[in-house]
Amino acid sequence: MSEDTERTKRLVAAWRGADRALSRSLLEPSVGELLASLADAPYDLDEPADVYGDGIVAELERRVAELLGTQDAAFFPSGTMAQQVALRCWAGRTGNPVVALHPMSHPERWEGDALSVVSGLRVTHPTVEARQPTAEEVREAPEPFGTLMLELPLREAGFLLPAWEELEALVAAARERDAVVHFDGARLWESTVHFGRPLPEIAGLADSVYVSFYKSLGGLSGAALAGPREFVEQTRVWRHRYGGQVFRQFPQALAALAGLERELPRLPEYVAGARAVAAALDAALEERGVPWFRVHPRVPHTHQFQVWLPYDAERLTEAGLRQARETGRVLFRRWSPDGVPGLSMTELEVTEPGLSWTASDVAEAVSDFLARL
């Protein structure tokens, strides 16, 4: 067993044993817990199981299209496959294999160069800054491109979203370049608070939208690609070619339907909770005189945000592990030395368990954590 695997086991054991946390890690649930959560999913369990995308999978697709206000939606086993297929199909339709996207976006960081290796596409970067691109940068990009892909929110930069007016301008700038617009909306579900707009209005700006079922909704896995009916039908053809025409997927579909019913309505609460926790963290770290700390963004755009501290990542992770074991509280989880020398970063997420944390709770947990460094 590798050292990293052993550490992960120790961390997960400590998290599972804690009685207070801001959220529950996706690594924590047991197989039994996950199976039990499907028993009361909002679907008639006496119905026949799905076969190659009918039944409950088709019902999930219908529900997603309804929520996003699109003509159709197709279920995919993974977001990576959904993105690859969407961008490949748009390249074929526009006749331009160049995709304009951010270098910190998911296809660039986490998909093994699949855009070029598998799909034969090329990328161009409107900006390399750790923020969303501007309309001017899209408008003045030196290379013609057929698709503008926007990751909403941009996770690696701090789960950042543009302002609504900025997003409208970005889309308009792409249209001026005769390009289509695709939203990487893995976490689009929770963006309604920041934008002050409902999901159909947000999704309606783009030509296609990808959404995830596990990142914010607590599903098992899977994603959906939504857009015009003719386009979605074409993506189903490519889904089969990419190996995504799976015989049965009812566990994933059940979990996704449950997430849409249970978690989606609560996401605005979680965003409010994250903003309260971020403010309390900022105040507590300032009061303790911690140098060079950063809560980013200071007012979270979603229910997730970053915290930066001037300590070694392993030291911070071990301090969090001891705090979880000895106090039963999980404030921080894993830390990484992400780019800036001398600083380490962690991501915080606030869901139902974190809504009960007061500013005093956060301040006390911060003091206890810092004392362990």
Protein backbone atom coordinates (compact mmCIF):
# COMPACT_ATOMS: atom_id res chain seq x y z
CA MET A 1 0.00 0.00 0.00
CA SER A 2 1.43 3.40 -0.99
CA GLU A 3 2.09 6.13 1.57
CA ASP A 4 -0.57 8.34 -0.02
CA THR A 5 -3.17 5.53 0.11
CA GLU A 6 -2.37 4.89 3.76
CA ARG A 7 -2.71 8.57 4.60
CA THR A 8 -6.05 8.75 2.79
CA LYS A 9 -7.32 5.80 4.86
CA ARG A 10 -6.28 7.54 8.07
CA LEU A 11 -7.90 10.80 7.02
CA VAL A 12 -11.18 9.18 5.99
CA ALA A 13 -11.32 7.18 9.25
CA ALA A 14 -10.86 10.40 11.24
CA TRP A 15 -13.51 12.23 9.20
CA ARG A 16 -15.99 9.39 9.62
CA GLY A 17 -15.42 9.39 13.36
CA ALA A 18 -15.98 13.12 13.77
CA ASP A 19 -19.34 14.46 14.91
CA ARG A 20 -19.05 17.99 13.43
CA ALA A 21 -17.97 19.07 9.97
CA LEU A 22 -18.77 21.74 7.40
CA SER A 23 -19.68 19.04 4.88
CA ARG A 24 -19.31 15.33 4.37
CA SER A 25 -16.53 14.17 2.07
CA LEU A 26 -17.46 12.06 -0.96
CA LEU A 27 -14.94 9.53 0.37
CA GLU A 28 -16.79 8.90 3.63
CA PRO A 29 -19.98 6.92 2.83
CA SER A 30 -19.81 3.13 2.94
CA VAL A 31 -21.26 0.88 0.25
CA GLY A 32 -24.11 0.04 2.59
CA GLU A 33 -24.89 3.69 3.26
CA LEU A 34 -24.93 4.50 -0.43
CA LEU A 35 -27.23 1.58 -1.23
CA ALA A 36 -29.58 2.49 1.63
CA SER A 37 -29.87 6.06 0.31
CA LEU A 38 -31.35 4.73 -2.94
CA ALA A 39 -34.23 2.93 -1.27
CA ASP A 40 -36.37 6.06 -0.91
CA ALA A 41 -35.34 7.77 -4.14
CA PRO A 42 -38.21 9.56 -5.94
CA TYR A 43 -38.97 6.76 -8.40
CA ASP A 44 -41.21 3.69 -8.46
CA LEU A 45 -38.80 0.87 -7.63
CA ASP A 46 -41.28 -1.68 -8.96
CA GLU A 47 -40.73 -0.36 -12.48
CA PRO A 48 -38.47 -2.45 -14.77
CA ALA A 49 -34.77 -1.63 -14.68
CA ASP A 50 -33.36 0.47 -17.49
CA VAL A 51 -31.87 -1.11 -20.61
CA TYR A 52 -29.47 1.01 -22.69
CA GLY A 53 -30.87 4.33 -21.50
CA ASP A 54 -34.63 3.81 -21.31
CA GLY A 55 -36.83 3.81 -18.20
CA ILE A 56 -35.36 5.67 -15.25
CA VAL A 57 -32.44 7.04 -17.31
CA ALA A 58 -34.85 8.57 -19.82
CA GLU A 59 -36.86 10.01 -16.91
CA LEU A 60 -33.71 11.62 -15.52
CA GLU A 61 -32.90 13.11 -18.93
CA ARG A 62 -36.42 14.55 -19.16
CA ARG A 63 -36.12 16.05 -15.68
CA VAL A 64 -32.77 17.70 -16.43
CA ALA A 65 -34.04 19.22 -19.68
CA GLU A 66 -37.03 20.56 -17.78
CA LEU A 67 -34.87 22.10 -15.03
CA LEU A 68 -32.46 23.73 -17.49
CA GLY A 69 -35.13 24.80 -19.96
CA THR A 70 -33.54 22.95 -22.90
CA GLN A 71 -35.17 20.84 -25.58
CA ASP A 72 -33.36 17.65 -24.60
CA ALA A 73 -30.65 16.17 -22.37
CA ALA A 74 -28.54 13.01 -22.57
CA PHE A 75 -27.11 11.05 -19.64
CA PHE A 76 -23.37 10.31 -19.72
CA PRO A 77 -21.36 8.01 -17.43
CA SER A 78 -18.86 10.80 -16.78
CA GLY A 79 -18.45 14.52 -17.22
CA THR A 80 -15.19 13.99 -19.08
CA MET A 81 -16.99 11.96 -21.74
CA ALA A 82 -19.81 14.50 -21.93
CA GLN A 83 -17.38 17.38 -22.46
CA GLN A 84 -15.33 15.53 -25.06
CA VAL A 85 -18.41 14.60 -27.05
CA ALA A 86 -19.94 18.08 -26.85
CA LEU A 87 -16.80 19.85 -28.02
CA ARG A 88 -16.18 17.29 -30.76
CA CYS A 89 -19.73 17.66 -32.08
CA TRP A 90 -19.51 21.46 -32.09
CA ALA A 91 -16.19 21.30 -33.94
CA GLY A 92 -17.85 19.20 -36.63
CA ARG A 93 -20.77 21.59 -36.90
CA THR A 94 -18.72 24.81 -36.98
CA GLY A 95 -15.92 23.39 -39.11
CA ASN A 96 -13.38 24.79 -36.64
CA PRO A 97 -11.42 22.42 -34.35
CA VAL A 98 -10.18 25.19 -32.02
CA VAL A 99 -11.75 25.53 -28.56
CA ALA A 100 -11.23 28.72 -26.56
CA LEU A 101 -11.07 27.90 -22.86
CA HIS A 102 -9.22 28.72 -19.67
CA PRO A 103 -5.93 26.90 -18.96
CA MET A 104 -7.23 26.16 -15.45
CA SER A 105 -10.40 24.52 -16.80
CA HIS A 106 -11.20 20.83 -16.33
CA PRO A 107 -10.30 19.64 -19.88
CA GLU A 108 -6.86 21.24 -19.52
CA ARG A 109 -6.14 20.05 -15.96
CA TRP A 110 -7.91 16.74 -15.46
CA GLU A 111 -8.71 15.00 -18.76
CA GLY A 112 -5.30 13.72 -19.89
CA ASP A 113 -5.10 15.91 -23.01
CA ALA A 114 -8.11 14.04 -24.37
CA LEU A 115 -9.26 17.03 -26.43
CA SER A 116 -6.23 16.65 -28.68
CA VAL A 117 -5.31 12.97 -28.22
CA VAL A 118 -8.81 11.52 -28.58
CA SER A 119 -10.83 14.20 -30.35
CA GLY A 120 -8.19 15.90 -32.49
CA LEU A 121 -9.07 19.37 -31.25
CA ARG A 122 -6.80 22.30 -30.39
CA VAL A 123 -7.16 24.91 -27.67
CA THR A 124 -6.51 28.61 -27.34
CA HIS A 125 -6.52 30.58 -24.09
CA PRO A 126 -8.25 33.99 -24.01
CA THR A 127 -6.44 34.61 -20.68
CA VAL A 128 -3.97 32.87 -18.40
CA GLU A 129 -4.96 34.93 -15.36
CA ALA A 130 -6.58 33.11 -12.42
CA ARG A 131 -10.02 34.52 -13.17
CA GLN A 132 -12.75 34.28 -15.76
CA PRO A 133 -11.88 35.79 -19.16
CA THR A 134 -13.31 39.13 -20.17
CA ALA A 135 -15.42 39.88 -23.22
CA GLU A 136 -12.61 42.01 -24.60
CA GLU A 137 -10.14 39.12 -24.31
CA VAL A 138 -12.55 36.81 -26.15
CA ARG A 139 -13.20 39.43 -28.79
CA GLU A 140 -9.48 40.05 -29.34
CA ALA A 141 -8.24 36.46 -29.19
CA PRO A 142 -5.66 36.24 -32.01
CA GLU A 143 -6.74 32.83 -33.31
CA PRO A 144 -10.17 32.02 -34.77
CA PHE A 145 -12.08 29.47 -32.69
CA GLY A 146 -15.29 27.56 -33.23
CA THR A 147 -16.36 27.07 -29.59
CA LEU A 148 -15.97 29.12 -26.44
CA MET A 149 -16.09 26.88 -23.36
CA LEU A 150 -16.72 28.58 -20.03
CA GLU A 151 -16.33 26.65 -16.78
CA LEU A 152 -18.98 27.98 -14.39
CA PRO A 153 -17.72 28.29 -11.72
CA LEU A 154 -13.98 28.10 -12.45
CA ARG A 155 -12.94 25.74 -9.68
CA GLU A 156 -9.15 25.98 -9.80
CA ALA A 157 -9.28 29.77 -9.52
CA GLY A 158 -11.49 29.63 -6.41
CA PHE A 159 -14.91 28.59 -7.73
CA LEU A 160 -15.18 31.96 -9.47
CA LEU A 161 -18.15 33.17 -11.49
CA PRO A 162 -18.41 36.30 -13.63
CA ALA A 163 -21.12 38.84 -12.89
CA TRP A 164 -24.30 38.25 -14.87
CA GLU A 165 -23.63 41.25 -17.13
CA GLU A 166 -20.08 39.96 -17.70
CA LEU A 167 -21.40 36.54 -18.67
CA GLU A 168 -23.82 38.09 -21.14
CA ALA A 169 -20.96 40.10 -22.62
CA LEU A 170 -18.74 37.00 -22.88
CA VAL A 171 -21.43 35.15 -24.80
CA ALA A 172 -22.05 38.13 -27.06
CA ALA A 173 -18.31 38.40 -27.79
CA ALA A 174 -18.21 34.74 -28.82
CA ARG A 175 -21.21 35.26 -31.12
CA GLU A 176 -19.37 38.17 -32.73
CA ARG A 177 -16.60 35.68 -33.55
CA ASP A 178 -19.19 33.32 -35.11
CA ALA A 179 -18.50 30.81 -32.33
CA VAL A 180 -20.85 28.65 -30.32
CA VAL A 181 -20.82 28.65 -26.51
CA HIS A 182 -20.59 25.60 -24.27
CA PHE A 183 -20.91 25.81 -20.48
CA ASP A 184 -18.92 23.40 -18.35
CA GLY A 185 -21.57 23.57 -15.66
CA ALA A 186 -20.43 20.75 -13.40
CA ARG A 187 -21.33 23.07 -10.52
CA LEU A 188 -23.85 25.22 -12.37
CA TRP A 189 -26.64 24.11 -10.01
CA GLU A 190 -25.41 26.42 -7.22
CA SER A 191 -24.71 29.45 -9.43
CA THR A 192 -28.24 30.85 -9.27
CA VAL A 193 -27.54 32.82 -6.06
CA HIS A 194 -24.56 34.70 -7.49
CA PHE A 195 -26.21 35.36 -10.85
CA GLY A 196 -29.60 36.18 -9.37
CA ARG A 197 -31.17 34.24 -12.23
CA PRO A 198 -33.00 30.88 -12.50
CA LEU A 199 -31.32 27.89 -14.11
CA PRO A 200 -33.20 28.13 -17.47
CA GLU A 201 -32.11 31.74 -17.94
CA ILE A 202 -28.48 30.87 -17.18
CA ALA A 203 -28.44 27.76 -19.39
CA GLY A 204 -30.30 29.67 -22.09
CA LEU A 205 -27.24 31.81 -22.78
CA ALA A 206 -25.28 28.80 -24.05
CA ASP A 207 -25.68 26.49 -27.02
CA SER A 208 -25.02 23.46 -24.77
CA VAL A 209 -24.53 22.81 -21.07
CA TYR A 210 -22.93 19.97 -19.13
CA VAL A 211 -24.00 19.33 -15.52
CA SER A 212 -22.74 16.84 -12.95
CA PHE A 213 -24.82 14.68 -10.62
CA TYR A 214 -22.27 14.00 -7.91
CA LYS A 215 -20.27 17.20 -7.39
CA SER A 216 -23.05 19.19 -5.70
CA LEU A 217 -26.04 16.87 -5.70
CA GLY A 218 -24.42 13.95 -3.86
CA GLY A 219 -25.05 11.40 -6.61
CA LEU A 220 -23.01 8.28 -7.28
CA SER A 221 -21.58 9.42 -10.61
CA GLY A 222 -22.72 10.56 -14.02
CA ALA A 223 -23.50 13.73 -15.92
CA ALA A 224 -25.89 15.18 -18.46
CA LEU A 225 -25.41 17.14 -21.65
CA ALA A 226 -28.29 19.48 -22.47
CA GLY A 227 -29.14 21.60 -25.48
CA PRO A 228 -31.11 21.62 -28.75
CA ARG A 229 -32.78 18.29 -29.60
CA GLU A 230 -30.90 17.71 -32.86
CA PHE A 231 -27.55 18.40 -31.17
CA VAL A 232 -28.30 16.13 -28.21
CA GLU A 233 -29.32 13.33 -30.57
CA GLN A 234 -25.95 13.67 -32.28
CA THR A 235 -24.17 13.46 -28.91
CA ARG A 236 -25.98 10.20 -28.19
CA VAL A 237 -24.41 8.73 -31.34
CA TRP A 238 -20.95 9.79 -30.16
CA ARG A 239 -21.69 8.62 -26.61
CA HIS A 240 -22.08 5.11 -28.04
CA ARG A 241 -18.85 5.46 -30.02
CA TYR A 242 -16.99 6.56 -26.89
CA GLY A 243 -18.23 3.51 -24.96
CA GLY A 244 -20.89 5.29 -22.96
CA GLN A 245 -23.91 3.27 -24.07
CA VAL A 246 -24.03 1.30 -20.80
CA PHE A 247 -26.47 -1.61 -20.39
CA ARG A 248 -27.82 -0.59 -16.95
CA GLN A 249 -27.34 2.64 -15.00
CA PHE A 250 -30.28 2.72 -12.62
CA PRO A 251 -28.18 3.21 -9.43
CA GLN A 252 -26.63 6.37 -10.88
CA ALA A 253 -30.00 7.58 -12.17
CA LEU A 254 -31.73 6.91 -8.83
CA ALA A 255 -29.04 8.81 -6.95
CA ALA A 256 -29.23 11.70 -9.41
CA LEU A 257 -33.02 11.98 -9.10
CA ALA A 258 -32.66 11.91 -5.33
CA GLY A 259 -30.07 14.68 -5.48
CA LEU A 260 -32.30 16.83 -7.68
CA GLU A 261 -35.14 16.43 -5.18
CA ARG A 262 -33.19 16.68 -1.90
CA GLU A 263 -30.07 18.76 -2.52
CA LEU A 264 -30.89 21.09 -5.40
CA PRO A 265 -33.51 23.11 -3.43
CA ARG A 266 -31.05 23.49 -0.53
CA LEU A 267 -28.08 24.83 -2.52
CA PRO A 268 -29.01 28.50 -1.89
CA GLU A 269 -28.89 27.74 1.86
CA TYR A 270 -25.47 26.22 1.42
CA VAL A 271 -24.20 29.30 -0.43
CA ALA A 272 -25.43 31.52 2.41
CA GLY A 273 -23.78 29.17 4.90
CA ALA A 274 -20.49 29.28 3.00
CA ARG A 275 -20.52 33.06 3.04
CA ALA A 276 -21.09 33.08 6.79
CA VAL A 277 -18.29 30.57 7.39
CA ALA A 278 -15.90 32.45 5.08
CA ALA A 279 -16.54 35.71 6.95
CA ALA A 280 -15.99 33.99 10.29
CA LEU A 281 -12.77 32.37 9.07
CA ASP A 282 -11.46 35.66 7.74
CA ALA A 283 -12.17 37.38 11.06
CA ALA A 284 -10.68 34.57 13.15
CA LEU A 285 -7.46 34.35 11.13
CA GLU A 286 -7.10 38.13 11.22
CA GLU A 287 -7.64 38.20 14.98
CA ARG A 288 -5.02 35.51 15.51
CA GLY A 289 -2.51 37.52 13.49
CA VAL A 290 -1.85 34.82 10.88
CA PRO A 291 0.34 36.40 8.18
CA TRP A 292 -0.31 36.02 4.47
CA PHE A 293 -3.60 34.15 4.91
CA ARG A 294 -6.32 34.45 2.33
CA VAL A 295 -9.97 33.45 2.13
CA HIS A 296 -10.74 33.39 -1.59
CA PRO A 297 -13.02 34.74 -2.78
CA ARG A 298 -13.68 36.75 0.35
CA VAL A 299 -17.40 36.48 -0.39
CA PRO A 300 -17.84 33.02 -1.96
CA HIS A 301 -19.66 32.86 -5.28
CA THR A 302 -20.93 29.35 -4.51
CA HIS A 303 -20.93 27.09 -1.43
CA GLN A 304 -17.24 26.31 -2.02
CA PHE A 305 -14.16 28.48 -1.65
CA GLN A 306 -10.41 28.39 -0.99
CA VAL A 307 -8.34 29.11 2.11
CA TRP A 308 -4.60 29.86 1.86
CA LEU A 309 -2.20 29.66 4.82
CA PRO A 310 1.60 30.23 5.08
CA TYR A 311 2.52 26.74 6.28
CA ASP A 312 3.67 23.46 4.76
CA ALA A 313 0.82 21.43 3.25
CA GLU A 314 1.69 18.19 5.05
CA ARG A 315 1.91 20.00 8.37
CA LEU A 316 -1.53 21.53 7.84
CA THR A 317 -3.09 18.23 6.76
CA GLU A 318 -1.67 16.45 9.82
CA ALA A 319 -2.95 19.21 12.11
CA GLY A 320 -6.43 18.76 10.66
CA LEU A 321 -6.18 15.00 11.13
CA ARG A 322 -5.27 15.38 14.80
CA GLN A 323 -8.04 17.91 15.33
CA ALA A 324 -10.61 15.53 13.85
CA ARG A 325 -9.40 12.62 15.94
CA GLU A 326 -9.06 14.48 19.22
CA THR A 327 -11.97 16.93 19.13
CA GLY A 328 -14.44 15.33 16.72
CA ARG A 329 -14.46 18.48 14.59
CA VAL A 330 -13.45 18.68 10.93
CA LEU A 331 -12.61 22.22 9.86
CA PHE A 332 -10.00 21.60 7.15
CA ARG A 333 -9.24 18.41 5.21
CA ARG A 334 -6.40 18.05 2.69
CA TRP A 335 -3.99 20.85 1.87
CA SER A 336 -1.81 21.23 -1.23
CA PRO A 337 1.23 23.41 -2.08
CA ASP A 338 -0.65 24.98 -4.97
CA GLY A 339 1.66 27.24 -6.90
CA VAL A 340 2.62 30.06 -4.53
CA PRO A 341 5.92 29.36 -2.70
CA GLY A 342 5.45 29.24 1.05
CA LEU A 343 1.66 29.01 0.87
CA SER A 344 -0.70 26.02 0.94
CA MET A 345 -4.31 25.88 -0.18
CA THR A 346 -7.38 23.90 0.76
CA GLU A 347 -10.94 23.93 -0.54
CA LEU A 348 -13.89 24.28 1.83
CA GLU A 349 -17.45 23.26 1.07
CA VAL A 350 -20.48 24.01 3.23
CA THR A 351 -23.48 21.70 3.02
CA GLU A 352 -26.16 20.62 5.50
CA PRO A 353 -23.75 19.68 8.35
CA GLY A 354 -22.14 23.11 8.20
CA LEU A 355 -25.32 25.14 8.51
CA SER A 356 -25.28 24.76 12.30
CA TRP A 357 -21.81 26.30 12.69
CA THR A 358 -21.84 29.75 14.29
CA ALA A 359 -19.12 32.37 14.01
CA SER A 360 -18.04 31.37 17.53
CA ASP A 361 -17.82 27.72 16.47
CA VAL A 362 -15.59 28.67 13.55
CA ALA A 363 -13.38 30.93 15.69
CA GLU A 364 -12.94 28.21 18.32
CA ALA A 365 -12.08 25.60 15.69
CA VAL A 366 -9.57 27.96 14.06
CA SER A 367 -7.84 28.62 17.40
CA ASP A 368 -7.64 24.91 18.14
CA PHE A 369 -6.31 24.16 14.66
CA LEU A 370 -3.62 26.85 14.78
CA ALA A 371 -2.47 25.60 18.17
CA ARG A 372 -1.66 22.24 16.55
CA LEU A 373 0.74 23.70 13.97
